[in-house]
Amino acid sequence: MNLGAFSISLSVKDIQVSKAFYEKLGFRVFGGDAAQNWLIMKNGDHIIGLFQGMFEKNILTFNPGWDQDANTLESFTDVRDLQRGLKAQGIEFQDEADETTSGPASFVIVDPDGNPILVDQHV
């Protein structure tokens, strides 16, 4: 099962303080908008998202259809197909993608330790 590009989305208290900290670790802004309280930062193939005031917990994030540079892949498993496969394995969903649609969609599952996992397709 290929879930696409991986990143961790961090719930931060102060986006500017967090940005400065991660820049010291070699991360650079790759996308987002600090004025809207979110940034995507990258160090090599490692991606983190900084999100202030948007959610309570850190979130593991996968993006079907993208590589680690947010380039659209020619071939990938659609988020709805991933959802159907996980449902068939007995995984419970916190939020589900509408399986009657196509294109961008997402779902959220929670691992046994309470960590949210967002599968967020943008293509």
PDB file of N, CA and C in Angstrom:
ATOM      1  N   MET A   1       0.857  -1.181   0.000  1.00  0.00           N
ATOM      2  CA  MET A   1       0.000   0.000   0.000  1.00  0.00           C
ATOM      3  C   MET A   1       0.893   1.231   0.000  1.00  0.00           C
ATOM      4  N   ASN A   2       0.839   2.008  -1.070  1.00  0.00           N
ATOM      5  CA  ASN A   2       1.625   3.233  -1.157  1.00  0.00           C
ATOM      6  C   ASN A   2       0.741   4.414  -0.772  1.00  0.00           C
ATOM      7  N   LEU A   3       1.075   5.060   0.317  1.00  0.00           N
ATOM      8  CA  LEU A   3       0.275   6.166   0.837  1.00  0.00           C
ATOM      9  C   LEU A   3       0.699   7.527   0.304  1.00  0.00           C
ATOM     10  N   GLY A   4       1.771   7.589  -0.476  1.00  0.00           N
ATOM     11  CA  GLY A   4       2.223   8.863  -1.036  1.00  0.00           C
ATOM     12  C   GLY A   4       3.266   9.543  -0.169  1.00  0.00           C
ATOM     13  N   ALA A   5       3.484  10.812  -0.420  1.00  0.00           N
ATOM     14  CA  ALA A   5       4.488  11.595   0.303  1.00  0.00           C
ATOM     15  C   ALA A   5       4.148  11.636   1.789  1.00  0.00           C
ATOM     16  N   PHE A   6       5.182  11.615   2.625  1.00  0.00           N
ATOM     17  CA  PHE A   6       4.986  11.635   4.073  1.00  0.00           C
ATOM     18  C   PHE A   6       5.511  12.933   4.677  1.00  0.00           C
ATOM     19  N   SER A   7       4.781  13.437   5.647  1.00  0.00           N
ATOM     20  CA  SER A   7       5.246  14.560   6.465  1.00  0.00           C
ATOM     21  C   SER A   7       4.595  14.438   7.834  1.00  0.00           C
ATOM     22  N   ILE A   8       5.093  15.224   8.745  1.00  0.00           N
ATOM     23  CA  ILE A   8       4.435  15.321  10.043  1.00  0.00           C
ATOM     24  C   ILE A   8       3.930  16.748  10.184  1.00  0.00           C
ATOM     25  N   SER A   9       2.691  16.883  10.593  1.00  0.00           N
ATOM     26  CA  SER A   9       2.063  18.184  10.792  1.00  0.00           C
ATOM     27  C   SER A   9       2.093  18.487  12.278  1.00  0.00           C
ATOM     28  N   LEU A  10       2.808  19.537  12.640  1.00  0.00           N
ATOM     29  CA  LEU A  10       2.997  19.879  14.043  1.00  0.00           C
ATOM     30  C   LEU A  10       2.058  20.998  14.465  1.00  0.00           C
ATOM     31  N   SER A  11       1.385  20.793  15.569  1.00  0.00           N
ATOM     32  CA  SER A  11       0.564  21.828  16.174  1.00  0.00           C
ATOM     33  C   SER A  11       1.489  22.701  17.026  1.00  0.00           C
ATOM     34  N   VAL A  12       1.707  23.938  16.601  1.00  0.00           N
ATOM     35  CA  VAL A  12       2.678  24.802  17.273  1.00  0.00           C
ATOM     36  C   VAL A  12       1.987  25.950  17.995  1.00  0.00           C
ATOM     37  N   LYS A  13       2.648  26.458  19.028  1.00  0.00           N
ATOM     38  CA  LYS A  13       2.099  27.566  19.816  1.00  0.00           C
ATOM     39  C   LYS A  13       2.364  28.912  19.162  1.00  0.00           C
ATOM     40  N   ASP A  14       3.553  29.073  18.557  1.00  0.00           N
ATOM     41  CA  ASP A  14       3.939  30.324  17.917  1.00  0.00           C
ATOM     42  C   ASP A  14       4.681  29.988  16.629  1.00  0.00           C
ATOM     43  N   ILE A  15       4.044  30.231  15.503  1.00  0.00           N
ATOM     44  CA  ILE A  15       4.607  29.799  14.226  1.00  0.00           C
ATOM     45  C   ILE A  15       5.961  30.438  13.932  1.00  0.00           C
ATOM     46  N   GLN A  16       6.157  31.682  14.319  1.00  0.00           N
ATOM     47  CA  GLN A  16       7.439  32.343  14.045  1.00  0.00           C
ATOM     48  C   GLN A  16       8.565  31.752  14.895  1.00  0.00           C
ATOM     49  N   VAL A  17       8.276  31.454  16.151  1.00  0.00           N
ATOM     50  CA  VAL A  17       9.278  30.839  17.029  1.00  0.00           C
ATOM     51  C   VAL A  17       9.627  29.439  16.509  1.00  0.00           C
ATOM     52  N   SER A  18       8.608  28.681  16.122  1.00  0.00           N
ATOM     53  CA  SER A  18       8.849  27.339  15.590  1.00  0.00           C
ATOM     54  C   SER A  18       9.605  27.393  14.268  1.00  0.00           C
ATOM     55  N   LYS A  19       9.257  28.319  13.407  1.00  0.00           N
ATOM     56  CA  LYS A  19       9.961  28.486  12.117  1.00  0.00           C
ATOM     57  C   LYS A  19      11.434  28.746  12.368  1.00  0.00           C
ATOM     58  N   ALA A  20      11.740  29.668  13.254  1.00  0.00           N
ATOM     59  CA  ALA A  20      13.140  30.004  13.560  1.00  0.00           C
ATOM     60  C   ALA A  20      13.886  28.789  14.127  1.00  0.00           C
ATOM     61  N   PHE A  21      13.237  28.022  14.986  1.00  0.00           N
ATOM     62  CA  PHE A  21      13.855  26.835  15.554  1.00  0.00           C
ATOM     63  C   PHE A  21      14.199  25.822  14.463  1.00  0.00           C
ATOM     64  N   TYR A  22      13.233  25.498  13.615  1.00  0.00           N
ATOM     65  CA  TYR A  22      13.468  24.489  12.583  1.00  0.00           C
ATOM     66  C   TYR A  22      14.438  24.975  11.509  1.00  0.00           C
ATOM     67  N   GLU A  23      14.513  26.276  11.292  1.00  0.00           N
ATOM     68  CA  GLU A  23      15.532  26.804  10.374  1.00  0.00           C
ATOM     69  C   GLU A  23      16.935  26.524  10.918  1.00  0.00           C
ATOM     70  N   LYS A  24      17.096  26.569  12.227  1.00  0.00           N
ATOM     71  CA  LYS A  24      18.389  26.245  12.834  1.00  0.00           C
ATOM     72  C   LYS A  24      18.757  24.782  12.624  1.00  0.00           C
ATOM     73  N   LEU A  25      17.747  23.922  12.408  1.00  0.00           N
ATOM     74  CA  LEU A  25      17.989  22.506  12.130  1.00  0.00           C
ATOM     75  C   LEU A  25      18.164  22.237  10.633  1.00  0.00           C
ATOM     76  N   GLY A  26      18.158  23.291   9.829  1.00  0.00           N
ATOM     77  CA  GLY A  26      18.383  23.144   8.396  1.00  0.00           C
ATOM     78  C   GLY A  26      17.131  23.103   7.543  1.00  0.00           C
ATOM     79  N   PHE A  27      15.964  23.289   8.132  1.00  0.00           N
ATOM     80  CA  PHE A  27      14.728  23.321   7.351  1.00  0.00           C
ATOM     81  C   PHE A  27      14.550  24.696   6.714  1.00  0.00           C
ATOM     82  N   ARG A  28      13.949  24.709   5.533  1.00  0.00           N
ATOM     83  CA  ARG A  28      13.640  25.944   4.817  1.00  0.00           C
ATOM     84  C   ARG A  28      12.170  25.923   4.425  1.00  0.00           C
ATOM     85  N   VAL A  29      11.568  27.108   4.352  1.00  0.00           N
ATOM     86  CA  VAL A  29      10.154  27.194   3.968  1.00  0.00           C
ATOM     87  C   VAL A  29       9.998  26.675   2.546  1.00  0.00           C
ATOM     88  N   PHE A  30       9.047  25.768   2.377  1.00  0.00           N
ATOM     89  CA  PHE A  30       8.776  25.127   1.093  1.00  0.00           C
ATOM     90  C   PHE A  30       7.401  25.547   0.566  1.00  0.00           C
ATOM     91  N   GLY A  31       6.520  25.946   1.454  1.00  0.00           N
ATOM     92  CA  GLY A  31       5.170  26.354   1.073  1.00  0.00           C
ATOM     93  C   GLY A  31       4.431  26.900   2.271  1.00  0.00           C
ATOM     94  N   GLY A  32       3.204  27.297   2.031  1.00  0.00           N
ATOM     95  CA  GLY A  32       2.376  27.800   3.123  1.00  0.00           C
ATOM     96  C   GLY A  32       2.350  29.306   3.197  1.00  0.00           C
ATOM     97  N   ASP A  33       1.786  29.809   4.280  1.00  0.00           N
ATOM     98  CA  ASP A  33       1.629  31.247   4.480  1.00  0.00           C
ATOM     99  C   ASP A  33       1.619  31.527   5.985  1.00  0.00           C
ATOM    100  N   ALA A  34       2.704  32.099   6.486  1.00  0.00           N
ATOM    101  CA  ALA A  34       2.809  32.389   7.921  1.00  0.00           C
ATOM    102  C   ALA A  34       1.691  33.329   8.384  1.00  0.00           C
ATOM    103  N   ALA A  35       1.232  34.221   7.505  1.00  0.00           N
ATOM    104  CA  ALA A  35       0.144  35.138   7.865  1.00  0.00           C
ATOM    105  C   ALA A  35      -1.159  34.377   8.115  1.00  0.00           C
ATOM    106  N   GLN A  36      -1.283  33.181   7.531  1.00  0.00           N
ATOM    107  CA  GLN A  36      -2.457  32.332   7.757  1.00  0.00           C
ATOM    108  C   GLN A  36      -2.158  31.249   8.795  1.00  0.00           C
ATOM    109  N   ASN A  37      -1.004  31.354   9.451  1.00  0.00           N
ATOM    110  CA  ASN A  37      -0.595  30.450  10.534  1.00  0.00           C
ATOM    111  C   ASN A  37      -0.287  29.025  10.090  1.00  0.00           C
ATOM    112  N   TRP A  38       0.274  28.867   8.880  1.00  0.00           N
ATOM    113  CA  TRP A  38       0.737  27.542   8.460  1.00  0.00           C
ATOM    114  C   TRP A  38       1.901  27.667   7.494  1.00  0.00           C
ATOM    115  N   LEU A  39       2.878  26.794   7.684  1.00  0.00           N
ATOM    116  CA  LEU A  39       4.060  26.723   6.825  1.00  0.00           C
ATOM    117  C   LEU A  39       4.416  25.263   6.588  1.00  0.00           C
ATOM    118  N   ILE A  40       4.925  24.981   5.415  1.00  0.00           N
ATOM    119  CA  ILE A  40       5.503  23.681   5.112  1.00  0.00           C
ATOM    120  C   ILE A  40       7.006  23.911   4.985  1.00  0.00           C
ATOM    121  N   MET A  41       7.789  23.116   5.717  1.00  0.00           N
ATOM    122  CA  MET A  41       9.241  23.281   5.715  1.00  0.00           C
ATOM    123  C   MET A  41       9.892  21.974   5.295  1.00  0.00           C
ATOM    124  N   LYS A  42      11.041  22.106   4.646  1.00  0.00           N
ATOM    125  CA  LYS A  42      11.699  20.927   4.094  1.00  0.00           C
ATOM    126  C   LYS A  42      13.193  20.982   4.378  1.00  0.00           C
ATOM    127  N   ASN A  43      13.756  19.796   4.668  1.00  0.00           N
ATOM    128  CA  ASN A  43      15.191  19.599   4.835  1.00  0.00           C
ATOM    129  C   ASN A  43      15.503  18.309   4.092  1.00  0.00           C
ATOM    130  N   GLY A  44      16.068  18.405   2.893  1.00  0.00           N
ATOM    131  CA  GLY A  44      16.257  17.216   2.070  1.00  0.00           C
ATOM    132  C   GLY A  44      14.905  16.628   1.728  1.00  0.00           C
ATOM    133  N   ASP A  45      14.712  15.341   1.995  1.00  0.00           N
ATOM    134  CA  ASP A  45      13.424  14.694   1.754  1.00  0.00           C
ATOM    135  C   ASP A  45      12.488  14.777   2.952  1.00  0.00           C
ATOM    136  N   HIS A  46      12.923  15.410   4.029  1.00  0.00           N
ATOM    137  CA  HIS A  46      12.135  15.473   5.263  1.00  0.00           C
ATOM    138  C   HIS A  46      11.237  16.705   5.241  1.00  0.00           C
ATOM    139  N   ILE A  47       9.958  16.480   5.492  1.00  0.00           N
ATOM    140  CA  ILE A  47       8.975  17.562   5.430  1.00  0.00           C
ATOM    141  C   ILE A  47       8.226  17.642   6.755  1.00  0.00           C
ATOM    142  N   ILE A  48       8.095  18.870   7.248  1.00  0.00           N
ATOM    143  CA  ILE A  48       7.250  19.135   8.409  1.00  0.00           C
ATOM    144  C   ILE A  48       6.292  20.262   8.053  1.00  0.00           C
ATOM    145  N   GLY A  49       5.120  20.200   8.630  1.00  0.00           N
ATOM    146  CA  GLY A  49       4.174  21.296   8.518  1.00  0.00           C
ATOM    147  C   GLY A  49       4.036  21.931   9.887  1.00  0.00           C
ATOM    148  N   LEU A  50       4.047  23.242   9.930  1.00  0.00           N
ATOM    149  CA  LEU A  50       3.826  23.978  11.174  1.00  0.00           C
ATOM    150  C   LEU A  50       2.446  24.617  11.085  1.00  0.00           C
ATOM    151  N   PHE A  51       1.595  24.328  12.064  1.00  0.00           N
ATOM    152  CA  PHE A  51       0.215  24.808  12.047  1.00  0.00           C
ATOM    153  C   PHE A  51      -0.119  25.394  13.415  1.00  0.00           C
ATOM    154  N   GLN A  52      -0.399  26.680  13.446  1.00  0.00           N
ATOM    155  CA  GLN A  52      -0.737  27.349  14.701  1.00  0.00           C
ATOM    156  C   GLN A  52      -2.246  27.525  14.796  1.00  0.00           C
ATOM    157  N   GLY A  53      -2.834  26.955  15.856  1.00  0.00           N
ATOM    158  CA  GLY A  53      -4.251  27.147  16.127  1.00  0.00           C
ATOM    159  C   GLY A  53      -5.190  26.397  15.210  1.00  0.00           C
ATOM    160  N   MET A  54      -4.713  25.383  14.497  1.00  0.00           N
ATOM    161  CA  MET A  54      -5.565  24.674  13.546  1.00  0.00           C
ATOM    162  C   MET A  54      -6.026  23.311  14.040  1.00  0.00           C
ATOM    163  N   PHE A  55      -5.251  22.665  14.887  1.00  0.00           N
ATOM    164  CA  PHE A  55      -5.639  21.378  15.449  1.00  0.00           C
ATOM    165  C   PHE A  55      -4.887  21.161  16.748  1.00  0.00           C
ATOM    166  N   GLU A  56      -5.366  20.208  17.567  1.00  0.00           N
ATOM    167  CA  GLU A  56      -4.814  20.001  18.897  1.00  0.00           C
ATOM    168  C   GLU A  56      -3.555  19.156  18.929  1.00  0.00           C
ATOM    169  N   LYS A  57      -3.524  18.069  18.171  1.00  0.00           N
ATOM    170  CA  LYS A  57      -2.416  17.116  18.235  1.00  0.00           C
ATOM    171  C   LYS A  57      -1.568  17.188  16.968  1.00  0.00           C
ATOM    172  N   ASN A  58      -0.340  16.694  17.065  1.00  0.00           N
ATOM    173  CA  ASN A  58       0.478  16.485  15.886  1.00  0.00           C
ATOM    174  C   ASN A  58      -0.175  15.391  15.054  1.00  0.00           C
ATOM    175  N   ILE A  59      -0.003  15.462  13.731  1.00  0.00           N
ATOM    176  CA  ILE A  59      -0.660  14.531  12.829  1.00  0.00           C
ATOM    177  C   ILE A  59       0.346  13.953  11.842  1.00  0.00           C
ATOM    178  N   LEU A  60       0.338  12.638  11.684  1.00  0.00           N
ATOM    179  CA  LEU A  60       1.094  11.999  10.611  1.00  0.00           C
ATOM    180  C   LEU A  60       0.306  12.245   9.332  1.00  0.00           C
ATOM    181  N   THR A  61       0.963  12.726   8.285  1.00  0.00           N
ATOM    182  CA  THR A  61       0.261  13.087   7.055  1.00  0.00           C
ATOM    183  C   THR A  61       0.856  12.365   5.857  1.00  0.00           C
ATOM    184  N   PHE A  62      -0.020  11.811   5.029  1.00  0.00           N
ATOM    185  CA  PHE A  62       0.374  11.174   3.775  1.00  0.00           C
ATOM    186  C   PHE A  62      -0.399  11.837   2.646  1.00  0.00           C
ATOM    187  N   ASN A  63       0.264  12.049   1.517  1.00  0.00           N
ATOM    188  CA  ASN A  63      -0.365  12.687   0.362  1.00  0.00           C
ATOM    189  C   ASN A  63      -0.286  11.790  -0.874  1.00  0.00           C
ATOM    190  N   PRO A  64      -1.331  10.969  -1.116  1.00  0.00           N
ATOM    191  CA  PRO A  64      -1.358  10.167  -2.334  1.00  0.00           C
ATOM    192  C   PRO A  64      -1.296  11.077  -3.567  1.00  0.00           C
ATOM    193  N   GLY A  65      -0.545  10.644  -4.558  1.00  0.00           N
ATOM    194  CA  GLY A  65      -0.459  11.418  -5.794  1.00  0.00           C
ATOM    195  C   GLY A  65       0.687  12.397  -5.844  1.00  0.00           C
ATOM    196  N   TRP A  66       1.407  12.543  -4.733  1.00  0.00           N
ATOM    197  CA  TRP A  66       2.552  13.457  -4.688  1.00  0.00           C
ATOM    198  C   TRP A  66       3.823  12.718  -4.333  1.00  0.00           C
ATOM    199  N   ASP A  67       4.949  13.222  -4.874  1.00  0.00           N
ATOM    200  CA  ASP A  67       6.252  12.789  -4.381  1.00  0.00           C
ATOM    201  C   ASP A  67       6.665  13.747  -3.273  1.00  0.00           C
ATOM    202  N   GLN A  68       7.864  13.582  -2.711  1.00  0.00           N
ATOM    203  CA  GLN A  68       8.303  14.403  -1.573  1.00  0.00           C
ATOM    204  C   GLN A  68       8.542  15.867  -1.945  1.00  0.00           C
ATOM    205  N   ASP A  69       8.494  16.197  -3.252  1.00  0.00           N
ATOM    206  CA  ASP A  69       8.623  17.589  -3.689  1.00  0.00           C
ATOM    207  C   ASP A  69       7.285  18.179  -4.110  1.00  0.00           C
ATOM    208  N   ALA A  70       6.190  17.501  -3.773  1.00  0.00           N
ATOM    209  CA  ALA A  70       4.823  17.923  -4.114  1.00  0.00           C
ATOM    210  C   ALA A  70       4.586  17.938  -5.619  1.00  0.00           C
ATOM    211  N   ASN A  71       5.342  17.121  -6.358  1.00  0.00           N
ATOM    212  CA  ASN A  71       5.092  16.933  -7.779  1.00  0.00           C
ATOM    213  C   ASN A  71       4.048  15.831  -7.941  1.00  0.00           C
ATOM    214  N   THR A  72       3.138  16.024  -8.891  1.00  0.00           N
ATOM    215  CA  THR A  72       2.108  15.027  -9.146  1.00  0.00           C
ATOM    216  C   THR A  72       2.718  13.793  -9.798  1.00  0.00           C
ATOM    217  N   LEU A  73       2.388  12.640  -9.253  1.00  0.00           N
ATOM    218  CA  LEU A  73       2.856  11.366  -9.795  1.00  0.00           C
ATOM    219  C   LEU A  73       1.974  10.944 -10.969  1.00  0.00           C
ATOM    220  N   GLU A  74       2.574  10.266 -11.947  1.00  0.00           N
ATOM    221  CA  GLU A  74       1.807   9.760 -13.091  1.00  0.00           C
ATOM    222  C   GLU A  74       0.824   8.686 -12.652  1.00  0.00           C
ATOM    223  N   SER A  75       1.232   7.863 -11.698  1.00  0.00           N
ATOM    224  CA  SER A  75       0.415   6.752 -11.250  1.00  0.00           C
ATOM    225  C   SER A  75       0.433   6.702  -9.724  1.00  0.00           C
ATOM    226  N   PHE A  76      -0.730   6.528  -9.113  1.00  0.00           N
ATOM    227  CA  PHE A  76      -0.820   6.430  -7.655  1.00  0.00           C
ATOM    228  C   PHE A  76      -2.145   5.800  -7.274  1.00  0.00           C
ATOM    229  N   THR A  77      -2.242   5.343  -6.040  1.00  0.00           N
ATOM    230  CA  THR A  77      -3.481   4.765  -5.530  1.00  0.00           C
ATOM    231  C   THR A  77      -4.357   5.882  -4.988  1.00  0.00           C
ATOM    232  N   ASP A  78      -5.560   5.994  -5.520  1.00  0.00           N
ATOM    233  CA  ASP A  78      -6.497   7.031  -5.111  1.00  0.00           C
ATOM    234  C   ASP A  78      -6.884   6.866  -3.645  1.00  0.00           C
ATOM    235  N   VAL A  79      -7.097   7.984  -2.981  1.00  0.00           N
ATOM    236  CA  VAL A  79      -7.432   7.994  -1.554  1.00  0.00           C
ATOM    237  C   VAL A  79      -8.668   7.134  -1.251  1.00  0.00           C
ATOM    238  N   ARG A  80      -9.636   7.108  -2.169  1.00  0.00           N
ATOM    239  CA  ARG A  80     -10.845   6.314  -1.946  1.00  0.00           C
ATOM    240  C   ARG A  80     -10.552   4.820  -2.012  1.00  0.00           C
ATOM    241  N   ASP A  81      -9.603   4.430  -2.885  1.00  0.00           N
ATOM    242  CA  ASP A  81      -9.193   3.019  -2.945  1.00  0.00           C
ATOM    243  C   ASP A  81      -8.440   2.631  -1.681  1.00  0.00           C
ATOM    244  N   LEU A  82      -7.599   3.531  -1.189  1.00  0.00           N
ATOM    245  CA  LEU A  82      -6.905   3.279   0.079  1.00  0.00           C
ATOM    246  C   LEU A  82      -7.919   3.100   1.205  1.00  0.00           C
ATOM    247  N   GLN A  83      -8.908   3.967   1.233  1.00  0.00           N
ATOM    248  CA  GLN A  83      -9.945   3.905   2.269  1.00  0.00           C
ATOM    249  C   GLN A  83     -10.693   2.577   2.220  1.00  0.00           C
ATOM    250  N   ARG A  84     -11.091   2.151   1.026  1.00  0.00           N
ATOM    251  CA  ARG A  84     -11.800   0.872   0.893  1.00  0.00           C
ATOM    252  C   ARG A  84     -10.931  -0.287   1.386  1.00  0.00           C
ATOM    253  N   GLY A  85      -9.640  -0.255   1.033  1.00  0.00           N
ATOM    254  CA  GLY A  85      -8.733  -1.319   1.467  1.00  0.00           C
ATOM    255  C   GLY A  85      -8.566  -1.361   2.975  1.00  0.00           C
ATOM    256  N   LEU A  86      -8.483  -0.196   3.592  1.00  0.00           N
ATOM    257  CA  LEU A  86      -8.335  -0.145   5.049  1.00  0.00           C
ATOM    258  C   LEU A  86      -9.623  -0.572   5.750  1.00  0.00           C
ATOM    259  N   LYS A  87     -10.760  -0.169   5.197  1.00  0.00           N
ATOM    260  CA  LYS A  87     -12.043  -0.606   5.766  1.00  0.00           C
ATOM    261  C   LYS A  87     -12.151  -2.129   5.723  1.00  0.00           C
ATOM    262  N   ALA A  88     -11.706  -2.725   4.622  1.00  0.00           N
ATOM    263  CA  ALA A  88     -11.770  -4.178   4.473  1.00  0.00           C
ATOM    264  C   ALA A  88     -10.905  -4.879   5.517  1.00  0.00           C
ATOM    265  N   GLN A  89      -9.903  -4.160   6.044  1.00  0.00           N
ATOM    266  CA  GLN A  89      -9.039  -4.719   7.084  1.00  0.00           C
ATOM    267  C   GLN A  89      -9.545  -4.387   8.489  1.00  0.00           C
ATOM    268  N   GLY A  90     -10.701  -3.736   8.589  1.00  0.00           N
ATOM    269  CA  GLY A  90     -11.296  -3.454   9.881  1.00  0.00           C
ATOM    270  C   GLY A  90     -10.852  -2.154  10.526  1.00  0.00           C
ATOM    271  N   ILE A  91     -10.164  -1.298   9.775  1.00  0.00           N
ATOM    272  CA  ILE A  91      -9.742   0.001  10.330  1.00  0.00           C
ATOM    273  C   ILE A  91     -10.972   0.898  10.474  1.00  0.00           C
ATOM    274  N   GLU A  92     -11.073   1.571  11.633  1.00  0.00           N
ATOM    275  CA  GLU A  92     -12.160   2.524  11.863  1.00  0.00           C
ATOM    276  C   GLU A  92     -11.704   3.918  11.470  1.00  0.00           C
ATOM    277  N   PHE A  93     -12.632   4.727  10.984  1.00  0.00           N
ATOM    278  CA  PHE A  93     -12.331   6.056  10.476  1.00  0.00           C
ATOM    279  C   PHE A  93     -12.918   7.139  11.366  1.00  0.00           C
ATOM    280  N   GLN A  94     -12.128   8.190  11.566  1.00  0.00           N
ATOM    281  CA  GLN A  94     -12.611   9.374  12.281  1.00  0.00           C
ATOM    282  C   GLN A  94     -13.351  10.277  11.293  1.00  0.00           C
ATOM    283  N   ASP A  95     -12.798  10.430  10.092  1.00  0.00           N
ATOM    284  CA  ASP A  95     -13.422  11.164   8.986  1.00  0.00           C
ATOM    285  C   ASP A  95     -13.181  10.354   7.723  1.00  0.00           C
ATOM    286  N   GLU A  96     -14.137  10.380   6.805  1.00  0.00           N
ATOM    287  CA  GLU A  96     -14.032   9.583   5.593  1.00  0.00           C
ATOM    288  C   GLU A  96     -14.091  10.445   4.342  1.00  0.00           C
ATOM    289  N   ALA A  97     -13.433   9.960   3.292  1.00  0.00           N
ATOM    290  CA  ALA A  97     -13.558  10.564   1.966  1.00  0.00           C
ATOM    291  C   ALA A  97     -14.882  10.118   1.368  1.00  0.00           C
ATOM    292  N   ASP A  98     -15.517  10.988   0.614  1.00  0.00           N
ATOM    293  CA  ASP A  98     -16.751  10.651  -0.088  1.00  0.00           C
ATOM    294  C   ASP A  98     -16.376   9.777  -1.282  1.00  0.00           C
ATOM    295  N   GLU A  99     -16.764   8.515  -1.235  1.00  0.00           N
ATOM    296  CA  GLU A  99     -16.371   7.564  -2.269  1.00  0.00           C
ATOM    297  C   GLU A  99     -17.119   7.748  -3.577  1.00  0.00           C
ATOM    298  N   THR A 100     -18.085   8.670  -3.634  1.00  0.00           N
ATOM    299  CA  THR A 100     -18.805   8.933  -4.882  1.00  0.00           C
ATOM    300  C   THR A 100     -18.132  10.035  -5.698  1.00  0.00           C
ATOM    301  N   THR A 101     -17.040  10.602  -5.169  1.00  0.00           N
ATOM    302  CA  THR A 101     -16.363  11.707  -5.840  1.00  0.00           C
ATOM    303  C   THR A 101     -15.053  11.230  -6.460  1.00  0.00           C
ATOM    304  N   SER A 102     -14.383  12.137  -7.149  1.00  0.00           N
ATOM    305  CA  SER A 102     -13.036  11.889  -7.655  1.00  0.00           C
ATOM    306  C   SER A 102     -12.207  13.137  -7.386  1.00  0.00           C
ATOM    307  N   GLY A 103     -10.894  13.020  -7.545  1.00  0.00           N
ATOM    308  CA  GLY A 103     -10.018  14.161  -7.303  1.00  0.00           C
ATOM    309  C   GLY A 103      -9.676  14.309  -5.837  1.00  0.00           C
ATOM    310  N   PRO A 104      -9.418  15.552  -5.409  1.00  0.00           N
ATOM    311  CA  PRO A 104      -8.992  15.786  -4.034  1.00  0.00           C
ATOM    312  C   PRO A 104     -10.003  15.264  -3.007  1.00  0.00           C
ATOM    313  N   ALA A 105      -9.463  14.632  -1.978  1.00  0.00           N
ATOM    314  CA  ALA A 105     -10.280  14.111  -0.870  1.00  0.00           C
ATOM    315  C   ALA A 105      -9.340  13.672   0.241  1.00  0.00           C
ATOM    316  N   SER A 106      -9.902  13.422   1.406  1.00  0.00           N
ATOM    317  CA  SER A 106      -9.057  12.997   2.526  1.00  0.00           C
ATOM    318  C   SER A 106      -9.858  12.133   3.492  1.00  0.00           C
ATOM    319  N   PHE A 107      -9.113  11.417   4.323  1.00  0.00           N
ATOM    320  CA  PHE A 107      -9.708  10.701   5.442  1.00  0.00           C
ATOM    321  C   PHE A 107      -8.754  10.759   6.621  1.00  0.00           C
ATOM    322  N   VAL A 108      -9.296  10.500   7.807  1.00  0.00           N
ATOM    323  CA  VAL A 108      -8.504  10.485   9.036  1.00  0.00           C
ATOM    324  C   VAL A 108      -8.790   9.182   9.771  1.00  0.00           C
ATOM    325  N   ILE A 109      -7.703   8.525  10.171  1.00  0.00           N
ATOM    326  CA  ILE A 109      -7.782   7.372  11.056  1.00  0.00           C
ATOM    327  C   ILE A 109      -6.931   7.683  12.281  1.00  0.00           C
ATOM    328  N   VAL A 110      -7.077   6.893  13.331  1.00  0.00           N
ATOM    329  CA  VAL A 110      -6.314   7.111  14.562  1.00  0.00           C
ATOM    330  C   VAL A 110      -5.646   5.792  14.933  1.00  0.00           C
ATOM    331  N   ASP A 111      -4.337   5.850  15.192  1.00  0.00           N
ATOM    332  CA  ASP A 111      -3.626   4.613  15.536  1.00  0.00           C
ATOM    333  C   ASP A 111      -3.971   4.182  16.967  1.00  0.00           C
ATOM    334  N   PRO A 112      -3.545   2.999  17.384  1.00  0.00           N
ATOM    335  CA  PRO A 112      -3.914   2.487  18.708  1.00  0.00           C
ATOM    336  C   PRO A 112      -3.455   3.358  19.879  1.00  0.00           C
ATOM    337  N   ASP A 113      -2.484   4.257  19.638  1.00  0.00           N
ATOM    338  CA  ASP A 113      -2.007   5.135  20.699  1.00  0.00           C
ATOM    339  C   ASP A 113      -2.629   6.526  20.651  1.00  0.00           C
ATOM    340  N   GLY A 114      -3.626   6.711  19.790  1.00  0.00           N
ATOM    341  CA  GLY A 114      -4.332   7.981  19.720  1.00  0.00           C
ATOM    342  C   GLY A 114      -3.728   8.993  18.765  1.00  0.00           C
ATOM    343  N   ASN A 115      -2.744   8.584  17.953  1.00  0.00           N
ATOM    344  CA  ASN A 115      -2.128   9.498  16.997  1.00  0.00           C
ATOM    345  C   ASN A 115      -2.973   9.588  15.728  1.00  0.00           C
ATOM    346  N   PRO A 116      -3.407  10.791  15.369  1.00  0.00           N
ATOM    347  CA  PRO A 116      -4.187  10.928  14.146  1.00  0.00           C
ATOM    348  C   PRO A 116      -3.309  10.762  12.907  1.00  0.00           C
ATOM    349  N   ILE A 117      -3.865  10.127  11.888  1.00  0.00           N
ATOM    350  CA  ILE A 117      -3.199   9.940  10.605  1.00  0.00           C
ATOM    351  C   ILE A 117      -4.119  10.495   9.530  1.00  0.00           C
ATOM    352  N   LEU A 118      -3.649  11.531   8.843  1.00  0.00           N
ATOM    353  CA  LEU A 118      -4.404  12.174   7.769  1.00  0.00           C
ATOM    354  C   LEU A 118      -3.863  11.684   6.436  1.00  0.00           C
ATOM    355  N   VAL A 119      -4.744  11.165   5.599  1.00  0.00           N
ATOM    356  CA  VAL A 119      -4.391  10.814   4.223  1.00  0.00           C
ATOM    357  C   VAL A 119      -5.124  11.831   3.363  1.00  0.00           C
ATOM    358  N   ASP A 120      -4.359  12.748   2.772  1.00  0.00           N
ATOM    359  CA  ASP A 120      -4.889  13.964   2.153  1.00  0.00           C
ATOM    360  C   ASP A 120      -4.412  14.062   0.711  1.00  0.00           C
ATOM    361  N   GLN A 121      -5.297  13.738  -0.220  1.00  0.00           N
ATOM    362  CA  GLN A 121      -4.977  13.759  -1.645  1.00  0.00           C
ATOM    363  C   GLN A 121      -5.346  15.113  -2.218  1.00  0.00           C
ATOM    364  N   HIS A 122      -4.399  15.764  -2.881  1.00  0.00           N
ATOM    365  CA  HIS A 122      -4.631  17.091  -3.457  1.00  0.00           C
ATOM    366  C   HIS A 122      -4.841  17.067  -4.957  1.00  0.00           C
ATOM    367  N   VAL A 123      -4.701  15.898  -5.599  1.00  0.00           N
ATOM    368  CA  VAL A 123      -4.832  15.819  -7.067  1.00  0.00           C
ATOM    369  C   VAL A 123      -5.995  14.934  -7.457  1.00  0.00           C
TER     370      VAL A 123
END
